[in-house]
């Protein structure tokens, strides 16, 4: 049989637990939740400290790697710098120009050997298409034929690329076709 007067639940009161279910006392629930909060706070603080230590260690390692890289780079150039120092001590009145020229050429080759080993490439080609990602147009000159339009006519200052990074664009003269044969 059904109850003729069913009770309507009060929406403001919590639902009653099913029969036979144990209900945790409020004090116990508070204590348990406070302990859980303390555990989570402790865990959060430990993770924050670990992250801070990791960040500091990583920064220190980066600084050490950068210092080692700079020292290695300098080590590649000290021989050429020593050679330049020796040439600075040469008395120009007692040395032939050809000897000084040959010595400077030797130092230049030593420097380029090391720069190329590091992945440096010189941008200084004439006759190639003008490329604004590699060249800086300083001036223009008329092209002799249409095939030379927007090509490099002269390199006024070489550019340099390290790997895929442009260090300095080549400053160039760009040929432009004027529409008439010379």
N, C-alpha and C. Protein backbone atom coordinates (compact mmCIF):
# COMPACT_ATOMS: atom_id res chain seq x y z
N UNK A 1 0.80 -1.19 0.00
CA UNK A 1 0.00 0.00 0.00
C UNK A 1 0.84 1.25 0.00
N UNK A 2 0.35 2.30 -0.60
CA UNK A 2 1.07 3.56 -0.65
C UNK A 2 0.58 4.47 0.44
N UNK A 3 1.49 5.35 0.85
CA UNK A 3 1.17 6.32 1.92
C UNK A 3 0.24 7.36 1.33
N UNK A 4 -0.91 7.59 1.96
CA UNK A 4 -1.85 8.56 1.41
C UNK A 4 -1.33 10.00 1.55
N UNK A 5 -0.47 10.28 2.50
CA UNK A 5 0.07 11.64 2.70
C UNK A 5 1.60 11.61 2.47
N UNK A 6 2.05 11.59 1.21
CA UNK A 6 3.50 11.56 0.98
C UNK A 6 4.14 12.87 1.44
N UNK A 7 5.34 12.74 2.05
CA UNK A 7 6.05 13.94 2.51
C UNK A 7 6.81 14.54 1.33
N UNK A 8 6.74 15.84 1.19
CA UNK A 8 7.48 16.55 0.16
C UNK A 8 8.81 16.97 0.78
N UNK A 9 9.95 16.61 0.13
CA UNK A 9 11.24 16.98 0.73
C UNK A 9 11.44 18.49 0.69
N UNK A 10 12.07 19.00 1.77
CA UNK A 10 12.36 20.42 1.89
C UNK A 10 13.64 20.68 1.09
N UNK A 11 13.61 21.54 0.07
CA UNK A 11 14.79 21.76 -0.76
C UNK A 11 15.94 22.39 0.02
N UNK A 12 15.69 23.07 1.15
CA UNK A 12 16.75 23.72 1.92
C UNK A 12 17.48 22.74 2.82
N UNK A 13 16.91 21.62 3.14
CA UNK A 13 17.56 20.67 4.03
C UNK A 13 18.32 19.64 3.21
N UNK A 14 19.46 19.14 3.75
CA UNK A 14 20.24 18.14 3.01
C UNK A 14 19.45 16.85 2.87
N UNK A 15 19.70 16.11 1.82
CA UNK A 15 18.97 14.85 1.64
C UNK A 15 19.36 13.86 2.74
N UNK A 16 18.41 13.09 3.10
CA UNK A 16 18.66 12.11 4.16
C UNK A 16 19.41 10.93 3.57
N UNK A 17 20.45 10.44 4.30
CA UNK A 17 21.19 9.29 3.78
C UNK A 17 20.31 8.06 3.77
N UNK A 18 20.59 7.15 2.87
CA UNK A 18 19.80 5.92 2.83
C UNK A 18 19.94 5.17 4.16
N UNK A 19 18.93 4.40 4.47
CA UNK A 19 18.94 3.64 5.73
C UNK A 19 20.13 2.72 5.81
N UNK A 20 20.77 2.65 6.94
CA UNK A 20 21.90 1.78 7.18
C UNK A 20 23.24 2.41 6.82
N UNK A 21 23.24 3.65 6.32
CA UNK A 21 24.48 4.33 5.97
C UNK A 21 24.99 5.07 7.18
N UNK A 22 26.32 4.95 7.41
CA UNK A 22 26.91 5.68 8.54
C UNK A 22 27.23 7.09 8.10
N UNK A 23 26.97 8.06 8.95
CA UNK A 23 27.24 9.46 8.66
C UNK A 23 28.42 9.89 9.52
N UNK A 24 29.43 10.51 8.87
CA UNK A 24 30.60 10.99 9.59
C UNK A 24 30.22 12.21 10.40
N UNK A 25 30.65 12.27 11.64
CA UNK A 25 30.35 13.45 12.46
C UNK A 25 31.05 14.67 11.86
N UNK A 26 30.48 15.83 12.03
CA UNK A 26 30.99 17.08 11.47
C UNK A 26 32.41 17.35 11.93
N UNK A 27 32.71 17.09 13.23
CA UNK A 27 34.06 17.36 13.73
C UNK A 27 35.08 16.47 13.02
N UNK A 28 34.74 15.23 12.80
CA UNK A 28 35.63 14.30 12.11
C UNK A 28 35.85 14.72 10.66
N UNK A 29 34.80 15.13 10.01
CA UNK A 29 34.91 15.58 8.62
C UNK A 29 35.79 16.82 8.53
N UNK A 30 35.64 17.74 9.45
CA UNK A 30 36.46 18.97 9.47
C UNK A 30 37.92 18.61 9.68
N UNK A 31 38.19 17.74 10.64
CA UNK A 31 39.56 17.34 10.94
C UNK A 31 40.18 16.66 9.71
N UNK A 32 39.45 15.75 9.10
CA UNK A 32 39.93 15.04 7.92
C UNK A 32 40.22 16.02 6.78
N UNK A 33 39.32 16.96 6.54
CA UNK A 33 39.52 17.94 5.46
C UNK A 33 40.68 18.90 5.76
N UNK A 34 40.84 19.27 7.04
CA UNK A 34 41.97 20.13 7.42
C UNK A 34 43.30 19.40 7.21
N UNK A 35 43.33 18.10 7.54
CA UNK A 35 44.54 17.31 7.33
C UNK A 35 44.85 17.21 5.83
N UNK A 36 43.83 16.99 5.04
CA UNK A 36 44.00 16.90 3.58
C UNK A 36 44.49 18.24 3.01
N UNK A 37 43.94 19.33 3.51
CA UNK A 37 44.37 20.66 3.08
C UNK A 37 45.83 20.88 3.45
N UNK A 38 46.21 20.47 4.66
CA UNK A 38 47.61 20.63 5.10
C UNK A 38 48.54 19.80 4.20
N UNK A 39 48.11 18.58 3.86
CA UNK A 39 48.92 17.73 2.95
C UNK A 39 49.09 18.40 1.59
N UNK A 40 48.00 18.92 1.04
CA UNK A 40 48.05 19.55 -0.28
C UNK A 40 48.89 20.83 -0.22
N UNK A 41 48.79 21.60 0.84
CA UNK A 41 49.59 22.82 0.99
C UNK A 41 51.06 22.46 1.06
N UNK A 42 51.40 21.43 1.84
CA UNK A 42 52.78 20.99 1.96
C UNK A 42 53.30 20.52 0.60
N UNK A 43 52.50 19.76 -0.10
CA UNK A 43 52.89 19.26 -1.42
C UNK A 43 53.13 20.42 -2.38
N UNK A 44 52.23 21.40 -2.35
CA UNK A 44 52.36 22.58 -3.20
C UNK A 44 53.66 23.33 -2.89
N UNK A 45 53.95 23.54 -1.62
CA UNK A 45 55.16 24.26 -1.23
C UNK A 45 56.42 23.50 -1.65
N UNK A 46 56.40 22.16 -1.50
CA UNK A 46 57.55 21.36 -1.92
C UNK A 46 57.76 21.45 -3.43
N UNK A 47 56.67 21.36 -4.21
CA UNK A 47 56.78 21.47 -5.66
C UNK A 47 57.28 22.86 -6.07
N UNK A 48 56.81 23.89 -5.40
CA UNK A 48 57.26 25.25 -5.71
C UNK A 48 58.75 25.39 -5.42
N UNK A 49 59.21 24.81 -4.32
CA UNK A 49 60.63 24.87 -3.97
C UNK A 49 61.46 24.07 -4.98
N UNK A 50 60.97 22.90 -5.37
CA UNK A 50 61.68 22.09 -6.37
C UNK A 50 61.80 22.84 -7.69
N UNK A 51 60.73 23.48 -8.11
CA UNK A 51 60.74 24.25 -9.35
C UNK A 51 61.73 25.41 -9.26
N UNK A 52 61.73 26.11 -8.14
CA UNK A 52 62.65 27.23 -7.96
C UNK A 52 64.10 26.74 -8.02
N UNK A 53 64.40 25.62 -7.38
CA UNK A 53 65.74 25.04 -7.42
C UNK A 53 66.11 24.64 -8.85
N UNK A 54 65.16 24.03 -9.56
CA UNK A 54 65.39 23.64 -10.95
C UNK A 54 65.69 24.86 -11.81
N UNK A 55 64.92 25.93 -11.63
CA UNK A 55 65.11 27.16 -12.39
C UNK A 55 66.50 27.75 -12.12
N UNK A 56 66.90 27.81 -10.87
CA UNK A 56 68.22 28.35 -10.51
C UNK A 56 69.34 27.48 -11.08
N UNK A 57 69.19 26.16 -10.98
CA UNK A 57 70.20 25.24 -11.49
C UNK A 57 70.33 25.38 -13.01
N UNK A 58 69.20 25.48 -13.69
CA UNK A 58 69.20 25.62 -15.14
C UNK A 58 69.87 26.93 -15.56
N UNK A 59 69.58 28.01 -14.85
CA UNK A 59 70.20 29.30 -15.16
C UNK A 59 71.71 29.23 -14.96
N UNK A 60 72.14 28.59 -13.88
CA UNK A 60 73.58 28.44 -13.61
C UNK A 60 74.24 27.62 -14.71
N UNK A 61 73.59 26.52 -15.14
CA UNK A 61 74.15 25.68 -16.20
C UNK A 61 74.25 26.45 -17.51
N UNK A 62 73.22 27.26 -17.82
CA UNK A 62 73.26 28.07 -19.04
C UNK A 62 74.44 29.04 -19.01
N UNK A 63 74.63 29.68 -17.88
CA UNK A 63 75.74 30.63 -17.73
C UNK A 63 77.07 29.92 -17.92
N UNK A 64 77.22 28.74 -17.33
CA UNK A 64 78.47 27.98 -17.47
C UNK A 64 78.70 27.56 -18.92
N UNK A 65 77.65 27.09 -19.60
CA UNK A 65 77.77 26.67 -21.00
C UNK A 65 78.16 27.87 -21.87
N UNK A 66 77.53 29.02 -21.62
CA UNK A 66 77.83 30.23 -22.39
C UNK A 66 79.29 30.64 -22.19
N UNK A 67 79.76 30.60 -20.95
CA UNK A 67 81.16 30.96 -20.67
C UNK A 67 82.12 30.00 -21.37
N UNK A 68 81.82 28.71 -21.33
CA UNK A 68 82.67 27.72 -22.01
C UNK A 68 82.67 27.95 -23.52
N UNK A 69 81.52 28.27 -24.08
CA UNK A 69 81.42 28.52 -25.53
C UNK A 69 82.24 29.75 -25.91
N UNK A 70 82.17 30.78 -25.10
CA UNK A 70 82.96 31.98 -25.39
C UNK A 70 84.45 31.69 -25.31
N UNK A 71 84.86 30.92 -24.30
CA UNK A 71 86.28 30.57 -24.16
C UNK A 71 86.73 29.72 -25.35
N UNK A 72 85.90 28.79 -25.79
CA UNK A 72 86.24 27.95 -26.95
C UNK A 72 86.38 28.80 -28.21
N UNK A 73 85.47 29.76 -28.37
CA UNK A 73 85.53 30.65 -29.53
C UNK A 73 86.82 31.47 -29.51
N UNK A 74 87.16 32.02 -28.37
CA UNK A 74 88.39 32.78 -28.26
C UNK A 74 89.60 31.89 -28.55
N UNK A 75 89.57 30.67 -28.07
CA UNK A 75 90.66 29.73 -28.31
C UNK A 75 90.89 29.49 -29.80
N UNK A 76 89.84 29.57 -30.59
CA UNK A 76 89.96 29.37 -32.03
C UNK A 76 90.70 30.53 -32.71
N UNK A 77 90.68 31.71 -32.10
CA UNK A 77 91.22 32.90 -32.75
C UNK A 77 92.54 33.40 -32.17
N UNK A 78 93.03 32.83 -31.08
CA UNK A 78 94.23 33.38 -30.44
C UNK A 78 95.47 33.29 -31.34
N UNK A 79 95.61 32.23 -32.12
CA UNK A 79 96.77 32.14 -33.02
C UNK A 79 96.77 33.28 -34.03
N UNK A 80 95.61 33.53 -34.63
CA UNK A 80 95.52 34.62 -35.60
C UNK A 80 95.76 35.97 -34.92
N UNK A 81 95.26 36.13 -33.69
CA UNK A 81 95.50 37.38 -32.96
C UNK A 81 96.98 37.55 -32.64
N UNK A 82 97.65 36.46 -32.28
CA UNK A 82 99.09 36.53 -32.04
C UNK A 82 99.84 36.94 -33.31
N UNK A 83 99.44 36.38 -34.45
CA UNK A 83 100.06 36.75 -35.72
C UNK A 83 99.87 38.23 -36.02
N UNK A 84 98.66 38.73 -35.78
CA UNK A 84 98.41 40.16 -35.99
C UNK A 84 99.30 41.01 -35.08
N UNK A 85 99.46 40.56 -33.84
CA UNK A 85 100.33 41.27 -32.90
C UNK A 85 101.76 41.33 -33.40
N UNK A 86 102.23 40.23 -33.97
CA UNK A 86 103.59 40.22 -34.52
C UNK A 86 103.73 41.19 -35.69
N UNK A 87 102.70 41.23 -36.54
CA UNK A 87 102.74 42.17 -37.67
C UNK A 87 102.68 43.62 -37.21
N UNK A 88 102.03 43.88 -36.11
CA UNK A 88 101.98 45.25 -35.58
C UNK A 88 103.35 45.71 -35.10
N UNK A 89 104.23 44.76 -34.78
CA UNK A 89 105.58 45.09 -34.30
C UNK A 89 106.59 45.25 -35.44
N UNK A 90 106.20 44.91 -36.66
CA UNK A 90 107.10 45.01 -37.80
C UNK A 90 107.32 46.49 -38.14
N UNK A 91 108.56 46.84 -38.35
CA UNK A 91 108.90 48.21 -38.75
C UNK A 91 108.63 48.32 -40.24
N UNK A 92 107.66 49.15 -40.66
CA UNK A 92 107.30 49.22 -42.08
C UNK A 92 108.44 49.73 -42.96
N UNK A 93 109.41 50.44 -42.39
CA UNK A 93 110.52 50.93 -43.21
C UNK A 93 111.55 49.83 -43.47
N UNK A 94 111.49 48.74 -42.69
CA UNK A 94 112.46 47.65 -42.85
C UNK A 94 111.85 46.40 -43.48
N UNK A 95 110.56 46.42 -43.78
CA UNK A 95 109.90 45.25 -44.36
C UNK A 95 109.32 45.62 -45.72
N UNK A 96 109.34 44.67 -46.60
CA UNK A 96 108.76 44.90 -47.92
C UNK A 96 107.23 44.82 -47.83
N UNK A 97 106.58 45.58 -48.64
CA UNK A 97 105.11 45.59 -48.67
C UNK A 97 104.57 44.21 -49.02
N UNK A 98 105.26 43.52 -49.90
CA UNK A 98 104.81 42.18 -50.30
C UNK A 98 104.84 41.22 -49.12
N UNK A 99 105.84 41.34 -48.26
CA UNK A 99 105.95 40.47 -47.08
C UNK A 99 104.80 40.76 -46.11
N UNK A 100 104.53 42.04 -45.88
CA UNK A 100 103.43 42.42 -44.98
C UNK A 100 102.11 41.95 -45.57
N UNK A 101 101.94 42.16 -46.87
CA UNK A 101 100.70 41.73 -47.53
C UNK A 101 100.51 40.22 -47.40
N UNK A 102 101.55 39.46 -47.61
CA UNK A 102 101.46 37.99 -47.51
C UNK A 102 101.12 37.57 -46.08
N UNK A 103 101.69 38.26 -45.10
CA UNK A 103 101.40 37.93 -43.71
C UNK A 103 99.96 38.22 -43.34
N UNK A 104 99.46 39.36 -43.79
CA UNK A 104 98.05 39.71 -43.51
C UNK A 104 97.13 38.71 -44.20
N UNK A 105 97.49 38.31 -45.40
CA UNK A 105 96.70 37.30 -46.12
C UNK A 105 96.66 35.97 -45.35
N UNK A 106 97.80 35.59 -44.79
CA UNK A 106 97.89 34.37 -43.99
C UNK A 106 96.97 34.45 -42.77
N UNK A 107 97.00 35.57 -42.09
CA UNK A 107 96.12 35.76 -40.92
C UNK A 107 94.66 35.69 -41.35
N UNK A 108 94.32 36.31 -42.47
CA UNK A 108 92.94 36.27 -42.98
C UNK A 108 92.49 34.85 -43.26
N UNK A 109 93.37 34.05 -43.87
CA UNK A 109 93.02 32.65 -44.15
C UNK A 109 92.81 31.87 -42.86
N UNK A 110 93.65 32.12 -41.85
CA UNK A 110 93.49 31.43 -40.56
C UNK A 110 92.13 31.79 -39.93
N UNK A 111 91.81 33.07 -39.97
CA UNK A 111 90.52 33.50 -39.39
C UNK A 111 89.36 32.85 -40.14
N UNK A 112 89.40 32.86 -41.48
CA UNK A 112 88.31 32.28 -42.25
C UNK A 112 88.19 30.77 -42.05
N UNK A 113 89.31 30.11 -41.88
CA UNK A 113 89.27 28.67 -41.62
C UNK A 113 88.46 28.40 -40.35
N UNK A 114 88.71 29.17 -39.31
CA UNK A 114 87.99 28.99 -38.04
C UNK A 114 86.53 29.43 -38.15
N UNK A 115 86.29 30.53 -38.84
CA UNK A 115 84.91 31.00 -39.01
C UNK A 115 84.07 29.99 -39.80
N UNK A 116 84.65 29.45 -40.87
CA UNK A 116 83.92 28.45 -41.66
C UNK A 116 83.65 27.19 -40.83
N UNK A 117 84.59 26.82 -39.97
CA UNK A 117 84.38 25.66 -39.10
C UNK A 117 83.22 25.91 -38.13
N UNK A 118 82.98 27.17 -37.81
CA UNK A 118 81.85 27.53 -36.93
C UNK A 118 80.53 27.67 -37.69
N UNK A 119 80.58 27.58 -39.03
CA UNK A 119 79.36 27.69 -39.83
C UNK A 119 79.11 29.08 -40.36
N UNK A 120 80.13 29.94 -40.37
CA UNK A 120 79.96 31.30 -40.90
C UNK A 120 80.14 31.25 -42.41
N UNK A 121 79.25 31.96 -43.10
CA UNK A 121 79.30 32.04 -44.56
C UNK A 121 79.27 33.52 -44.95
N UNK A 122 80.08 33.88 -45.90
CA UNK A 122 80.17 35.26 -46.38
C UNK A 122 79.14 35.46 -47.49
N UNK A 123 78.42 36.58 -47.47
CA UNK A 123 77.45 36.93 -48.51
C UNK A 123 78.07 38.07 -49.30
N UNK A 124 78.62 37.74 -50.48
CA UNK A 124 79.31 38.77 -51.26
C UNK A 124 79.34 38.42 -52.74
N UNK A 125 78.29 37.79 -53.25
CA UNK A 125 78.26 37.38 -54.65
C UNK A 125 77.66 38.48 -55.53
N UNK A 126 78.28 38.68 -56.66
CA UNK A 126 77.79 39.62 -57.67
C UNK A 126 77.06 38.81 -58.73
N UNK A 127 75.98 39.38 -59.29
CA UNK A 127 75.25 38.71 -60.36
C UNK A 127 74.11 37.84 -59.89
N UNK A 128 73.94 37.70 -58.56
CA UNK A 128 72.84 36.89 -58.03
C UNK A 128 71.59 37.77 -57.89
N UNK A 129 70.40 37.17 -57.87
CA UNK A 129 69.20 37.97 -57.66
C UNK A 129 69.25 38.69 -56.30
N UNK A 130 68.76 39.91 -56.28
CA UNK A 130 68.69 40.67 -55.04
C UNK A 130 67.71 39.98 -54.10
N UNK A 131 68.15 39.71 -52.89
CA UNK A 131 67.34 39.02 -51.88
C UNK A 131 67.31 39.89 -50.63
N UNK A 132 66.18 40.52 -50.33
CA UNK A 132 66.13 41.42 -49.17
C UNK A 132 66.38 40.73 -47.83
N UNK A 133 66.32 39.39 -47.80
CA UNK A 133 66.62 38.70 -46.55
C UNK A 133 68.13 38.49 -46.39
N UNK A 134 68.92 38.78 -47.45
CA UNK A 134 70.38 38.63 -47.41
C UNK A 134 71.11 39.93 -47.74
N UNK A 135 70.42 40.82 -48.46
CA UNK A 135 71.06 42.03 -48.97
C UNK A 135 70.35 43.29 -48.47
N UNK A 136 71.14 44.36 -48.39
CA UNK A 136 70.60 45.69 -48.11
C UNK A 136 70.96 46.54 -49.32
N UNK A 137 69.95 47.03 -50.02
CA UNK A 137 70.19 47.85 -51.21
C UNK A 137 70.64 49.23 -50.77
N UNK A 138 71.85 49.62 -51.18
CA UNK A 138 72.40 50.92 -50.81
C UNK A 138 72.24 51.90 -51.97
N UNK A 139 72.38 51.37 -53.18
CA UNK A 139 72.27 52.21 -54.37
C UNK A 139 71.78 51.34 -55.52
N UNK A 140 71.44 52.01 -56.63
CA UNK A 140 71.05 51.28 -57.83
C UNK A 140 71.91 51.75 -59.00
N UNK A 141 71.96 50.93 -60.03
CA UNK A 141 72.66 51.27 -61.27
C UNK A 141 71.86 50.67 -62.41
N UNK A 142 71.97 51.26 -63.58
CA UNK A 142 71.22 50.69 -64.72
C UNK A 142 71.80 49.34 -65.15
N UNK A 143 70.90 48.43 -65.49
CA UNK A 143 71.29 47.11 -65.99
C UNK A 143 71.53 47.21 -67.48
N UNK A 144 72.47 46.39 -68.00
CA UNK A 144 72.78 46.41 -69.44
C UNK A 144 71.76 45.64 -70.26
N UNK A 145 71.12 44.64 -69.63
CA UNK A 145 70.08 43.90 -70.34
C UNK A 145 69.02 43.46 -69.33
N UNK A 146 67.84 43.08 -69.83
CA UNK A 146 66.73 42.75 -68.94
C UNK A 146 67.01 41.60 -67.97
N UNK A 147 67.91 40.68 -68.33
CA UNK A 147 68.21 39.53 -67.46
C UNK A 147 68.89 39.97 -66.17
N UNK A 148 69.50 41.15 -66.17
CA UNK A 148 70.19 41.64 -64.97
C UNK A 148 69.27 42.42 -64.04
N UNK A 149 68.01 42.60 -64.42
CA UNK A 149 67.08 43.38 -63.60
C UNK A 149 66.96 42.78 -62.20
N UNK A 150 67.11 43.61 -61.19
CA UNK A 150 67.01 43.23 -59.77
C UNK A 150 68.07 42.20 -59.37
N UNK A 151 69.28 42.35 -59.92
CA UNK A 151 70.40 41.51 -59.50
C UNK A 151 71.44 42.39 -58.82
N UNK A 152 72.34 41.74 -58.11
CA UNK A 152 73.41 42.45 -57.40
C UNK A 152 74.48 42.81 -58.42
N UNK A 153 74.75 44.13 -58.57
CA UNK A 153 75.77 44.59 -59.51
C UNK A 153 77.12 44.74 -58.85
N UNK A 154 77.13 45.08 -57.57
CA UNK A 154 78.39 45.23 -56.84
C UNK A 154 78.10 45.04 -55.35
N UNK A 155 79.09 44.49 -54.65
CA UNK A 155 78.99 44.34 -53.20
C UNK A 155 79.85 45.43 -52.59
N UNK A 156 79.21 46.34 -51.86
CA UNK A 156 79.93 47.44 -51.24
C UNK A 156 80.49 47.05 -49.87
N UNK A 157 79.79 46.14 -49.20
CA UNK A 157 80.25 45.60 -47.92
C UNK A 157 79.67 44.19 -47.78
N UNK A 158 80.53 43.22 -47.53
CA UNK A 158 80.09 41.83 -47.43
C UNK A 158 79.14 41.65 -46.25
N UNK A 159 78.26 40.67 -46.39
CA UNK A 159 77.38 40.27 -45.29
C UNK A 159 77.84 38.93 -44.75
N UNK A 160 77.27 38.55 -43.61
CA UNK A 160 77.67 37.29 -42.98
C UNK A 160 76.46 36.56 -42.43
N UNK A 161 76.50 35.23 -42.59
CA UNK A 161 75.45 34.35 -42.09
C UNK A 161 76.11 33.32 -41.19
N UNK A 162 75.53 33.09 -40.03
CA UNK A 162 75.99 32.05 -39.11
C UNK A 162 74.90 31.00 -39.05
N UNK A 163 75.16 29.83 -39.63
CA UNK A 163 74.12 28.80 -39.71
C UNK A 163 73.00 29.31 -40.60
N UNK A 164 71.83 29.51 -40.02
CA UNK A 164 70.69 30.08 -40.75
C UNK A 164 70.37 31.49 -40.29
N UNK A 165 71.25 32.09 -39.48
CA UNK A 165 70.99 33.41 -38.92
C UNK A 165 71.83 34.46 -39.63
N UNK A 166 71.16 35.47 -40.15
CA UNK A 166 71.85 36.58 -40.80
C UNK A 166 72.49 37.44 -39.71
N UNK A 167 73.81 37.56 -39.75
CA UNK A 167 74.53 38.38 -38.78
C UNK A 167 74.54 39.83 -39.26
N UNK A 168 74.83 40.00 -40.55
CA UNK A 168 74.82 41.33 -41.16
C UNK A 168 74.49 41.16 -42.63
N UNK A 169 73.55 41.94 -43.16
CA UNK A 169 73.25 41.82 -44.59
C UNK A 169 74.38 42.43 -45.42
N UNK A 170 74.54 41.91 -46.63
CA UNK A 170 75.51 42.50 -47.55
C UNK A 170 74.92 43.81 -48.06
N UNK A 171 75.73 44.84 -48.07
CA UNK A 171 75.29 46.14 -48.60
C UNK A 171 75.70 46.15 -50.08
N UNK A 172 74.67 46.29 -50.93
CA UNK A 172 74.91 46.06 -52.35
C UNK A 172 74.34 47.17 -53.23
N UNK A 173 74.84 47.16 -54.47
CA UNK A 173 74.29 47.97 -55.54
C UNK A 173 73.37 47.04 -56.32
N UNK A 174 72.15 47.48 -56.58
CA UNK A 174 71.17 46.66 -57.29
C UNK A 174 71.00 47.21 -58.71
N UNK A 175 71.10 46.29 -59.68
CA UNK A 175 70.91 46.69 -61.08
C UNK A 175 69.42 46.70 -61.40
N UNK A 176 68.99 47.71 -62.11
CA UNK A 176 67.59 47.80 -62.53
C UNK A 176 67.52 48.07 -64.03
N UNK A 177 66.63 47.38 -64.67
CA UNK A 177 66.46 47.53 -66.12
C UNK A 177 65.66 48.79 -66.38
N UNK A 178 66.23 49.63 -67.26
CA UNK A 178 65.58 50.92 -67.59
C UNK A 178 64.67 50.82 -68.81
N UNK A 179 64.71 49.67 -69.49
CA UNK A 179 63.84 49.49 -70.65
C UNK A 179 64.49 49.86 -71.95
N UNK A 180 65.79 50.05 -71.97
CA UNK A 180 66.48 50.37 -73.23
C UNK A 180 67.87 49.74 -73.23
N UNK A 181 68.32 49.35 -74.40
CA UNK A 181 69.65 48.75 -74.53
C UNK A 181 70.69 49.86 -74.59
N UNK A 182 71.85 49.60 -74.00
CA UNK A 182 72.93 50.60 -74.01
C UNK A 182 73.87 50.35 -75.13
